[in-house]
Amino acid sequence: MTRLVVTLESNEPLTAMEVNIPPSQGVTFDRNVYGVYPVKPGNVALSAFSYNSNGEPTGMQPRGSMTWKVDLTEGHVNTLRLEANCHGSAGEQWNSVMIAAPVEPDISKTVW
């Protein structure tokens, strides 16, 4: 399993966060996990949101992390570019916050 993990490094909490994967990078969200926006059959999932243990939208606490399962195609990028839209507790909003994430092999797939 390959995962995307986003950690909030700010000292201020967020009330909501949406993450978007721009197309043509060879990385998409798994369609069948919490936090992924539903897509029509045949379409790829490129948007997800921060969620709680029931799969409902929620915020993030400082140094908290959010994890989604992602699918990789052959020839995927080595560094994934993401855009995040974030909402603060005082009504602030940050759109198109750029995130760069290295795509690393999943060592848990190693067979001993």
Protein backbone atom coordinates (compact mmCIF):
# COMPACT_ATOMS: atom_id res chain seq x y z
CA MET A 1 0.00 0.00 0.00
CA THR A 2 1.24 3.47 -0.85
CA ARG A 3 0.10 6.34 1.33
CA LEU A 4 0.07 10.12 1.14
CA VAL A 5 0.74 11.64 4.56
CA VAL A 6 0.26 15.39 5.13
CA THR A 7 1.42 16.83 8.46
CA LEU A 8 0.37 20.28 9.74
CA GLU A 9 3.57 22.05 10.79
CA SER A 10 1.78 25.23 11.89
CA ASN A 11 1.16 26.04 15.56
CA GLU A 12 -2.43 26.96 14.67
CA PRO A 13 -5.14 24.35 14.05
CA LEU A 14 -7.18 24.09 10.87
CA THR A 15 -10.94 23.65 10.80
CA ALA A 16 -10.82 22.03 7.34
CA MET A 17 -8.36 21.05 4.64
CA GLU A 18 -8.79 19.85 1.07
CA VAL A 19 -5.92 18.37 -0.93
CA ASN A 20 -5.89 18.25 -4.73
CA ILE A 21 -3.50 16.31 -6.97
CA PRO A 22 -3.05 18.10 -10.29
CA PRO A 23 -3.54 15.54 -13.10
CA SER A 24 -0.88 13.77 -15.18
CA GLN A 25 1.48 12.89 -12.32
CA GLY A 26 0.70 9.17 -12.19
CA VAL A 27 -0.67 9.44 -8.64
CA THR A 28 -4.36 9.33 -7.68
CA PHE A 29 -6.28 8.79 -4.47
CA ASP A 30 -7.73 5.34 -3.88
CA ARG A 31 -11.45 5.76 -4.53
CA ASN A 32 -12.53 3.52 -1.63
CA VAL A 33 -11.04 5.21 1.44
CA TYR A 34 -12.22 7.82 3.95
CA GLY A 35 -11.69 11.40 2.95
CA VAL A 36 -11.69 10.96 -0.82
CA TYR A 37 -14.32 12.87 -2.76
CA PRO A 38 -16.55 10.44 -4.68
CA VAL A 39 -16.03 10.25 -8.43
CA LYS A 40 -18.07 8.68 -11.22
CA PRO A 41 -17.12 5.19 -12.40
CA GLY A 42 -14.19 5.41 -14.80
CA ASN A 43 -12.92 8.71 -13.37
CA VAL A 44 -9.85 9.06 -11.17
CA ALA A 45 -9.97 10.56 -7.68
CA LEU A 46 -7.80 13.67 -7.42
CA SER A 47 -9.34 15.42 -4.38
CA ALA A 48 -9.55 14.50 -0.72
CA PHE A 49 -10.33 16.19 2.60
CA SER A 50 -9.22 15.90 6.22
CA TYR A 51 -11.49 13.47 8.03
CA ASN A 52 -12.21 11.98 11.44
CA SER A 53 -12.46 8.32 12.51
CA ASN A 54 -16.03 8.18 11.11
CA GLY A 55 -14.91 9.45 7.70
CA GLU A 56 -16.55 12.85 8.21
CA PRO A 57 -14.83 16.14 7.29
CA THR A 58 -12.84 17.64 10.15
CA GLY A 59 -9.89 19.91 10.88
CA MET A 60 -6.32 19.20 11.88
CA GLN A 61 -4.35 19.94 15.03
CA PRO A 62 -0.77 21.30 14.99
CA ARG A 63 1.70 18.54 14.11
CA GLY A 64 -1.21 16.22 13.39
CA SER A 65 -1.16 14.12 10.24
CA MET A 66 -3.75 13.01 7.73
CA THR A 67 -3.25 9.86 5.64
CA TRP A 68 -4.85 8.66 2.42
CA LYS A 69 -4.14 5.56 0.36
CA VAL A 70 -2.96 6.47 -3.14
CA ASP A 71 -2.51 4.52 -6.34
CA LEU A 72 0.60 4.84 -8.52
CA THR A 73 0.90 4.18 -12.22
CA GLU A 74 4.07 3.10 -13.94
CA GLY A 75 6.11 6.18 -14.74
CA HIS A 76 4.72 8.23 -11.82
CA VAL A 77 6.57 11.39 -10.80
CA ASN A 78 9.36 11.25 -8.20
CA THR A 79 8.07 14.36 -6.44
CA LEU A 80 4.31 14.79 -6.21
CA ARG A 81 2.96 18.34 -6.44
CA LEU A 82 -0.19 18.98 -4.40
CA GLU A 83 -2.42 21.97 -3.80
CA ALA A 84 -4.11 22.39 -0.43
CA ASN A 85 -7.01 24.65 0.52
CA CYS A 86 -7.05 25.31 4.26
CA HIS A 87 -9.46 26.99 6.68
CA GLY A 88 -8.41 28.46 10.02
CA SER A 89 -10.38 28.72 13.26
CA ALA A 90 -10.82 32.52 12.95
CA GLY A 91 -12.30 32.30 9.45
CA GLU A 92 -8.99 32.53 7.59
CA GLN A 93 -8.68 30.77 4.28
CA TRP A 94 -5.57 29.82 2.32
CA ASN A 95 -6.12 28.62 -1.23
CA SER A 96 -3.67 26.76 -3.44
CA VAL A 97 -1.02 26.19 -0.79
CA MET A 98 1.65 24.25 -2.67
CA ILE A 99 3.04 21.05 -1.17
CA ALA A 100 5.84 18.93 -2.65
CA ALA A 101 6.00 15.31 -1.48
CA PRO A 102 8.64 12.76 -2.46
CA VAL A 103 7.22 9.51 -3.86
CA GLU A 104 9.18 6.77 -2.12
CA PRO A 105 8.96 3.01 -2.55
CA ASP A 106 6.82 1.27 0.04
CA ILE A 107 9.28 -0.85 2.01
CA SER A 108 6.45 -2.77 3.65
CA LYS A 109 6.04 -4.67 0.36
CA THR A 110 9.47 -6.25 0.77
CA VAL A 111 9.31 -10.02 0.98
CA TRP A 112 11.90 -11.60 3.32
